N, C-alpha and C. Protein backbone atom coordinates (compact mmCIF):
# COMPACT_ATOMS: atom_id res chain seq x y z
N MET A 1 -9.22 16.16 -35.78
CA MET A 1 -8.73 15.16 -34.84
C MET A 1 -9.69 13.98 -34.75
N GLU A 2 -10.98 14.25 -34.84
CA GLU A 2 -11.98 13.17 -34.77
C GLU A 2 -11.81 12.20 -35.94
N ARG A 3 -11.54 12.70 -37.12
CA ARG A 3 -11.32 11.82 -38.28
C ARG A 3 -10.11 10.93 -38.06
N MET A 4 -9.05 11.50 -37.51
CA MET A 4 -7.85 10.73 -37.24
C MET A 4 -8.12 9.64 -36.21
N ARG A 5 -8.89 9.97 -35.18
CA ARG A 5 -9.24 8.99 -34.14
C ARG A 5 -10.01 7.83 -34.74
N ILE A 6 -10.98 8.14 -35.60
CA ILE A 6 -11.79 7.09 -36.24
C ILE A 6 -10.93 6.24 -37.16
N PHE A 7 -10.04 6.89 -37.93
CA PHE A 7 -9.13 6.17 -38.82
C PHE A 7 -8.25 5.22 -38.00
N SER A 8 -7.72 5.71 -36.90
CA SER A 8 -6.88 4.87 -36.04
C SER A 8 -7.67 3.68 -35.51
N LYS A 9 -8.88 3.95 -35.04
CA LYS A 9 -9.70 2.90 -34.44
C LYS A 9 -10.08 1.82 -35.45
N ARG A 10 -10.37 2.22 -36.68
CA ARG A 10 -10.87 1.27 -37.68
C ARG A 10 -9.79 0.67 -38.58
N VAL A 11 -8.68 1.38 -38.78
CA VAL A 11 -7.66 0.91 -39.71
C VAL A 11 -6.34 0.57 -39.00
N VAL A 12 -5.80 1.53 -38.28
CA VAL A 12 -4.49 1.35 -37.66
C VAL A 12 -4.54 0.31 -36.53
N ASN A 13 -5.49 0.43 -35.62
CA ASN A 13 -5.55 -0.48 -34.48
C ASN A 13 -5.65 -1.95 -34.88
N PRO A 14 -6.51 -2.33 -35.84
CA PRO A 14 -6.55 -3.73 -36.24
C PRO A 14 -5.22 -4.25 -36.79
N LEU A 15 -4.48 -3.40 -37.49
CA LEU A 15 -3.16 -3.81 -37.99
C LEU A 15 -2.17 -3.98 -36.85
N VAL A 16 -2.14 -3.03 -35.94
CA VAL A 16 -1.20 -3.07 -34.81
C VAL A 16 -1.52 -4.25 -33.89
N MET A 17 -2.79 -4.61 -33.75
CA MET A 17 -3.19 -5.70 -32.87
C MET A 17 -2.58 -7.04 -33.29
N ARG A 18 -2.14 -7.15 -34.52
CA ARG A 18 -1.54 -8.41 -34.99
C ARG A 18 -0.26 -8.75 -34.22
N PHE A 19 0.44 -7.72 -33.73
CA PHE A 19 1.70 -7.99 -33.02
C PHE A 19 1.80 -7.30 -31.66
N ALA A 20 0.85 -6.45 -31.32
CA ALA A 20 0.89 -5.74 -30.03
C ALA A 20 0.85 -6.73 -28.87
N GLY A 21 1.63 -6.43 -27.84
CA GLY A 21 1.66 -7.27 -26.65
C GLY A 21 2.65 -8.41 -26.73
N SER A 22 3.17 -8.69 -27.92
CA SER A 22 4.12 -9.79 -28.07
C SER A 22 5.49 -9.41 -27.52
N ALA A 23 6.35 -10.39 -27.41
CA ALA A 23 7.63 -10.23 -26.73
C ALA A 23 8.50 -9.10 -27.28
N HIS A 24 8.46 -8.84 -28.57
CA HIS A 24 9.36 -7.83 -29.15
C HIS A 24 8.64 -6.61 -29.71
N SER A 25 7.38 -6.46 -29.40
CA SER A 25 6.60 -5.35 -29.93
C SER A 25 6.74 -4.10 -29.06
N PRO A 26 6.82 -2.92 -29.67
CA PRO A 26 6.83 -1.69 -28.87
C PRO A 26 5.43 -1.33 -28.36
N PHE A 27 4.42 -2.05 -28.85
CA PHE A 27 3.04 -1.76 -28.46
C PHE A 27 2.55 -2.76 -27.42
N ALA A 28 1.71 -2.29 -26.54
CA ALA A 28 1.05 -3.14 -25.55
C ALA A 28 -0.42 -3.25 -25.93
N VAL A 29 -1.14 -4.10 -25.22
CA VAL A 29 -2.59 -4.23 -25.40
C VAL A 29 -3.24 -4.02 -24.04
N VAL A 30 -4.25 -3.18 -23.99
CA VAL A 30 -5.03 -3.05 -22.76
C VAL A 30 -6.34 -3.79 -22.98
N ARG A 31 -6.62 -4.73 -22.08
CA ARG A 31 -7.90 -5.45 -22.10
C ARG A 31 -8.80 -4.79 -21.08
N HIS A 32 -10.01 -4.46 -21.53
CA HIS A 32 -10.94 -3.73 -20.67
C HIS A 32 -12.35 -4.16 -20.97
N VAL A 33 -13.26 -3.86 -20.06
CA VAL A 33 -14.67 -4.24 -20.18
C VAL A 33 -15.49 -2.99 -20.47
N GLY A 34 -16.37 -3.09 -21.47
CA GLY A 34 -17.22 -1.96 -21.84
C GLY A 34 -18.10 -1.53 -20.68
N ARG A 35 -18.16 -0.25 -20.43
CA ARG A 35 -18.91 0.25 -19.28
C ARG A 35 -20.41 0.12 -19.45
N ARG A 36 -20.89 0.03 -20.67
CA ARG A 36 -22.32 -0.16 -20.91
C ARG A 36 -22.63 -1.56 -21.42
N SER A 37 -21.81 -2.05 -22.35
CA SER A 37 -22.08 -3.33 -23.00
C SER A 37 -21.66 -4.53 -22.16
N GLY A 38 -20.64 -4.36 -21.32
CA GLY A 38 -20.10 -5.48 -20.57
C GLY A 38 -19.19 -6.38 -21.40
N ARG A 39 -19.00 -6.03 -22.67
CA ARG A 39 -18.13 -6.80 -23.56
C ARG A 39 -16.67 -6.56 -23.21
N THR A 40 -15.84 -7.56 -23.52
CA THR A 40 -14.40 -7.41 -23.34
C THR A 40 -13.79 -6.85 -24.62
N TYR A 41 -12.94 -5.85 -24.47
CA TYR A 41 -12.28 -5.21 -25.61
C TYR A 41 -10.77 -5.27 -25.43
N ALA A 42 -10.06 -5.14 -26.54
CA ALA A 42 -8.60 -5.06 -26.51
C ALA A 42 -8.19 -3.89 -27.39
N THR A 43 -7.34 -3.02 -26.85
CA THR A 43 -6.92 -1.81 -27.56
C THR A 43 -5.40 -1.72 -27.52
N PRO A 44 -4.75 -1.50 -28.66
CA PRO A 44 -3.29 -1.35 -28.66
C PRO A 44 -2.88 0.03 -28.15
N LEU A 45 -1.76 0.07 -27.43
CA LEU A 45 -1.26 1.31 -26.84
C LEU A 45 0.26 1.37 -26.94
N LEU A 46 0.76 2.56 -27.00
CA LEU A 46 2.20 2.79 -26.87
C LEU A 46 2.41 3.28 -25.44
N LEU A 47 3.23 2.58 -24.69
CA LEU A 47 3.42 2.93 -23.28
C LEU A 47 4.87 2.75 -22.88
N VAL A 48 5.16 3.17 -21.67
CA VAL A 48 6.50 3.02 -21.10
C VAL A 48 6.35 2.36 -19.73
N PRO A 49 7.07 1.27 -19.49
CA PRO A 49 7.01 0.67 -18.16
C PRO A 49 7.78 1.54 -17.16
N VAL A 50 7.25 1.63 -15.95
CA VAL A 50 7.92 2.32 -14.84
C VAL A 50 7.92 1.35 -13.66
N ALA A 51 8.53 1.73 -12.56
CA ALA A 51 8.74 0.83 -11.43
C ALA A 51 7.48 0.08 -10.98
N ASP A 52 6.37 0.76 -10.86
CA ASP A 52 5.17 0.12 -10.32
C ASP A 52 4.00 0.10 -11.30
N GLY A 53 4.28 0.23 -12.59
CA GLY A 53 3.19 0.20 -13.57
C GLY A 53 3.64 0.67 -14.94
N PHE A 54 2.79 1.47 -15.57
CA PHE A 54 3.03 1.93 -16.93
C PHE A 54 2.56 3.37 -17.08
N VAL A 55 3.26 4.15 -17.89
CA VAL A 55 2.80 5.49 -18.25
C VAL A 55 2.34 5.43 -19.70
N ILE A 56 1.16 5.95 -19.95
CA ILE A 56 0.53 5.91 -21.26
C ILE A 56 0.21 7.33 -21.71
N GLU A 57 0.50 7.61 -22.97
CA GLU A 57 0.14 8.91 -23.56
C GLU A 57 -1.22 8.75 -24.21
N LEU A 58 -2.15 9.61 -23.85
CA LEU A 58 -3.51 9.55 -24.38
C LEU A 58 -3.62 10.51 -25.56
N THR A 59 -3.32 10.01 -26.74
CA THR A 59 -3.27 10.82 -27.95
C THR A 59 -4.55 11.61 -28.16
N TYR A 60 -5.68 11.00 -27.87
CA TYR A 60 -6.98 11.65 -28.12
C TYR A 60 -7.65 12.13 -26.84
N GLY A 61 -6.89 12.25 -25.76
CA GLY A 61 -7.42 12.78 -24.53
C GLY A 61 -8.07 11.75 -23.62
N PHE A 62 -8.62 12.23 -22.52
CA PHE A 62 -9.19 11.36 -21.50
C PHE A 62 -10.59 10.86 -21.83
N ALA A 63 -11.20 11.36 -22.89
CA ALA A 63 -12.57 10.97 -23.23
C ALA A 63 -12.65 9.74 -24.14
N VAL A 64 -11.51 9.10 -24.45
CA VAL A 64 -11.54 7.93 -25.33
C VAL A 64 -12.23 6.77 -24.62
N ASP A 65 -12.89 5.93 -25.42
CA ASP A 65 -13.68 4.83 -24.85
C ASP A 65 -12.87 3.90 -23.97
N TRP A 66 -11.70 3.47 -24.44
CA TRP A 66 -10.96 2.48 -23.64
C TRP A 66 -10.62 3.03 -22.26
N TYR A 67 -10.21 4.29 -22.18
CA TYR A 67 -9.84 4.86 -20.88
C TYR A 67 -11.07 5.02 -19.98
N ARG A 68 -12.15 5.47 -20.55
CA ARG A 68 -13.39 5.62 -19.77
C ARG A 68 -13.86 4.26 -19.25
N ASN A 69 -13.70 3.21 -20.07
CA ASN A 69 -14.05 1.85 -19.64
C ASN A 69 -13.19 1.39 -18.46
N VAL A 70 -11.89 1.64 -18.56
CA VAL A 70 -10.96 1.23 -17.51
C VAL A 70 -11.28 1.95 -16.20
N VAL A 71 -11.53 3.23 -16.26
CA VAL A 71 -11.85 4.00 -15.06
C VAL A 71 -13.17 3.52 -14.46
N ALA A 72 -14.17 3.27 -15.30
CA ALA A 72 -15.47 2.81 -14.81
C ALA A 72 -15.35 1.44 -14.13
N ALA A 73 -14.55 0.55 -14.72
CA ALA A 73 -14.40 -0.79 -14.15
C ALA A 73 -13.46 -0.80 -12.94
N GLY A 74 -12.53 0.14 -12.91
CA GLY A 74 -11.57 0.19 -11.81
C GLY A 74 -10.38 -0.72 -11.98
N HIS A 75 -10.27 -1.36 -13.13
CA HIS A 75 -9.14 -2.26 -13.38
C HIS A 75 -9.03 -2.57 -14.87
N CYS A 76 -7.89 -3.11 -15.25
CA CYS A 76 -7.67 -3.59 -16.61
C CYS A 76 -6.49 -4.54 -16.61
N THR A 77 -6.27 -5.19 -17.73
CA THR A 77 -5.10 -6.04 -17.92
C THR A 77 -4.28 -5.46 -19.05
N ILE A 78 -2.99 -5.33 -18.83
CA ILE A 78 -2.09 -4.85 -19.87
C ILE A 78 -1.18 -6.00 -20.28
N LEU A 79 -1.17 -6.28 -21.57
CA LEU A 79 -0.27 -7.29 -22.14
C LEU A 79 0.94 -6.54 -22.67
N TRP A 80 2.11 -6.86 -22.14
CA TRP A 80 3.34 -6.16 -22.50
C TRP A 80 4.48 -7.16 -22.59
N HIS A 81 5.09 -7.22 -23.74
CA HIS A 81 6.22 -8.12 -23.98
C HIS A 81 5.92 -9.56 -23.58
N GLY A 82 4.73 -10.03 -23.96
CA GLY A 82 4.35 -11.41 -23.75
C GLY A 82 3.84 -11.76 -22.37
N ARG A 83 3.69 -10.78 -21.48
CA ARG A 83 3.20 -11.03 -20.13
C ARG A 83 1.97 -10.18 -19.84
N ALA A 84 1.13 -10.67 -18.94
CA ALA A 84 -0.08 -9.95 -18.54
C ALA A 84 0.13 -9.31 -17.17
N TYR A 85 -0.27 -8.04 -17.06
CA TYR A 85 -0.16 -7.28 -15.81
C TYR A 85 -1.53 -6.73 -15.45
N GLU A 86 -1.96 -7.00 -14.23
CA GLU A 86 -3.23 -6.46 -13.74
C GLU A 86 -2.98 -5.08 -13.15
N CYS A 87 -3.76 -4.12 -13.58
CA CYS A 87 -3.65 -2.75 -13.08
C CYS A 87 -4.97 -2.35 -12.45
N ASP A 88 -4.89 -1.71 -11.29
CA ASP A 88 -6.13 -1.35 -10.59
C ASP A 88 -6.11 0.04 -9.97
N ALA A 89 -5.11 0.83 -10.31
CA ALA A 89 -5.06 2.21 -9.81
C ALA A 89 -4.55 3.09 -10.94
N PHE A 90 -5.14 4.25 -11.09
CA PHE A 90 -4.82 5.12 -12.21
C PHE A 90 -4.63 6.54 -11.70
N GLU A 91 -3.62 7.20 -12.21
CA GLU A 91 -3.42 8.60 -11.81
C GLU A 91 -2.97 9.41 -13.02
N VAL A 92 -3.47 10.62 -13.09
CA VAL A 92 -3.09 11.54 -14.16
C VAL A 92 -1.67 12.01 -13.88
N VAL A 93 -0.86 12.07 -14.95
CA VAL A 93 0.53 12.51 -14.85
C VAL A 93 0.64 13.84 -15.58
N ASP A 94 1.34 14.81 -14.97
CA ASP A 94 1.47 16.11 -15.63
C ASP A 94 2.26 15.96 -16.93
N PRO A 95 1.98 16.81 -17.92
CA PRO A 95 2.58 16.67 -19.26
C PRO A 95 4.10 16.61 -19.26
N GLY A 96 4.76 17.44 -18.48
CA GLY A 96 6.22 17.44 -18.46
C GLY A 96 6.79 16.12 -17.98
N THR A 97 6.25 15.62 -16.89
CA THR A 97 6.70 14.35 -16.33
C THR A 97 6.37 13.21 -17.28
N GLY A 98 5.17 13.21 -17.81
CA GLY A 98 4.76 12.16 -18.74
C GLY A 98 5.66 12.08 -19.95
N LEU A 99 5.95 13.21 -20.53
CA LEU A 99 6.81 13.26 -21.72
C LEU A 99 8.22 12.79 -21.40
N ARG A 100 8.76 13.21 -20.26
CA ARG A 100 10.12 12.79 -19.88
C ARG A 100 10.22 11.30 -19.62
N THR A 101 9.11 10.65 -19.32
CA THR A 101 9.12 9.21 -19.06
C THR A 101 9.44 8.42 -20.33
N PHE A 102 9.03 8.95 -21.47
CA PHE A 102 9.24 8.25 -22.74
C PHE A 102 10.68 8.40 -23.20
N PRO A 103 11.21 7.40 -23.93
CA PRO A 103 12.58 7.51 -24.44
C PRO A 103 12.70 8.66 -25.43
N ALA A 104 13.90 9.18 -25.55
CA ALA A 104 14.16 10.35 -26.40
C ALA A 104 13.65 10.17 -27.82
N ILE A 105 13.77 8.97 -28.37
CA ILE A 105 13.35 8.73 -29.75
C ILE A 105 11.85 8.93 -29.94
N LEU A 106 11.07 8.79 -28.87
CA LEU A 106 9.62 8.99 -28.96
C LEU A 106 9.18 10.38 -28.52
N ARG A 107 10.01 11.07 -27.75
CA ARG A 107 9.63 12.40 -27.26
C ARG A 107 9.38 13.40 -28.37
N PHE A 108 10.24 13.41 -29.37
CA PHE A 108 10.08 14.37 -30.46
C PHE A 108 8.74 14.20 -31.17
N PRO A 109 8.40 12.98 -31.64
CA PRO A 109 7.09 12.85 -32.29
C PRO A 109 5.92 13.16 -31.35
N LEU A 110 6.06 12.81 -30.08
CA LEU A 110 4.99 13.13 -29.13
C LEU A 110 4.83 14.64 -28.97
N ARG A 111 5.94 15.35 -28.94
CA ARG A 111 5.86 16.83 -28.88
C ARG A 111 5.19 17.39 -30.12
N MET A 112 5.56 16.85 -31.29
CA MET A 112 4.98 17.33 -32.55
C MET A 112 3.48 17.08 -32.61
N LEU A 113 3.04 15.99 -31.97
CA LEU A 113 1.61 15.67 -31.92
C LEU A 113 0.89 16.49 -30.85
N GLY A 114 1.65 17.24 -30.06
CA GLY A 114 1.03 18.04 -29.00
C GLY A 114 0.63 17.23 -27.79
N ALA A 115 1.38 16.17 -27.49
CA ALA A 115 1.06 15.29 -26.36
C ALA A 115 0.95 16.09 -25.07
N ARG A 116 -0.16 15.95 -24.38
CA ARG A 116 -0.36 16.67 -23.13
C ARG A 116 -1.14 15.85 -22.10
N ASP A 117 -1.69 14.71 -22.52
CA ASP A 117 -2.49 13.90 -21.59
C ASP A 117 -1.78 12.56 -21.35
N PHE A 118 -1.41 12.34 -20.09
CA PHE A 118 -0.71 11.12 -19.71
C PHE A 118 -1.38 10.53 -18.48
N VAL A 119 -1.34 9.22 -18.38
CA VAL A 119 -1.89 8.55 -17.21
C VAL A 119 -0.92 7.44 -16.80
N LYS A 120 -0.84 7.23 -15.49
CA LYS A 120 -0.05 6.12 -14.97
C LYS A 120 -1.01 5.06 -14.49
N MET A 121 -0.80 3.83 -14.95
CA MET A 121 -1.60 2.70 -14.50
C MET A 121 -0.71 1.87 -13.60
N LYS A 122 -1.14 1.70 -12.36
CA LYS A 122 -0.33 0.98 -11.38
C LYS A 122 -0.72 -0.49 -11.33
N MET A 123 0.32 -1.33 -11.23
CA MET A 123 0.09 -2.77 -11.14
C MET A 123 -0.38 -3.14 -9.73
N GLN A 124 -1.15 -4.22 -9.67
CA GLN A 124 -1.63 -4.73 -8.38
C GLN A 124 -0.47 -5.29 -7.58
């Protein structure tokens, strides 16, 4: 799993960033500040909008850098379909609820990947 995470971070993410966050992209971008470096980062994500925010599947669990940065800072910006949304509250979502939030076309691959970690980011 660690090799896949590194491959995604170094190869897949830079490719996805070319169109993530744009009006017709299924991917969003989370902008966050490094908890140690103070640098601003942008990470592509697959998410689902809900009434008061977004539900995100954490493919590599809660220990990923972007999520740890967001929690440490207490806020982030999500670019979704050409608009920016400020999020400042985060809650863990149980696997069943998280999976049901995603459209049917994405549920099957998420199940095959063993998706079990979900978080809801609430808009300000």
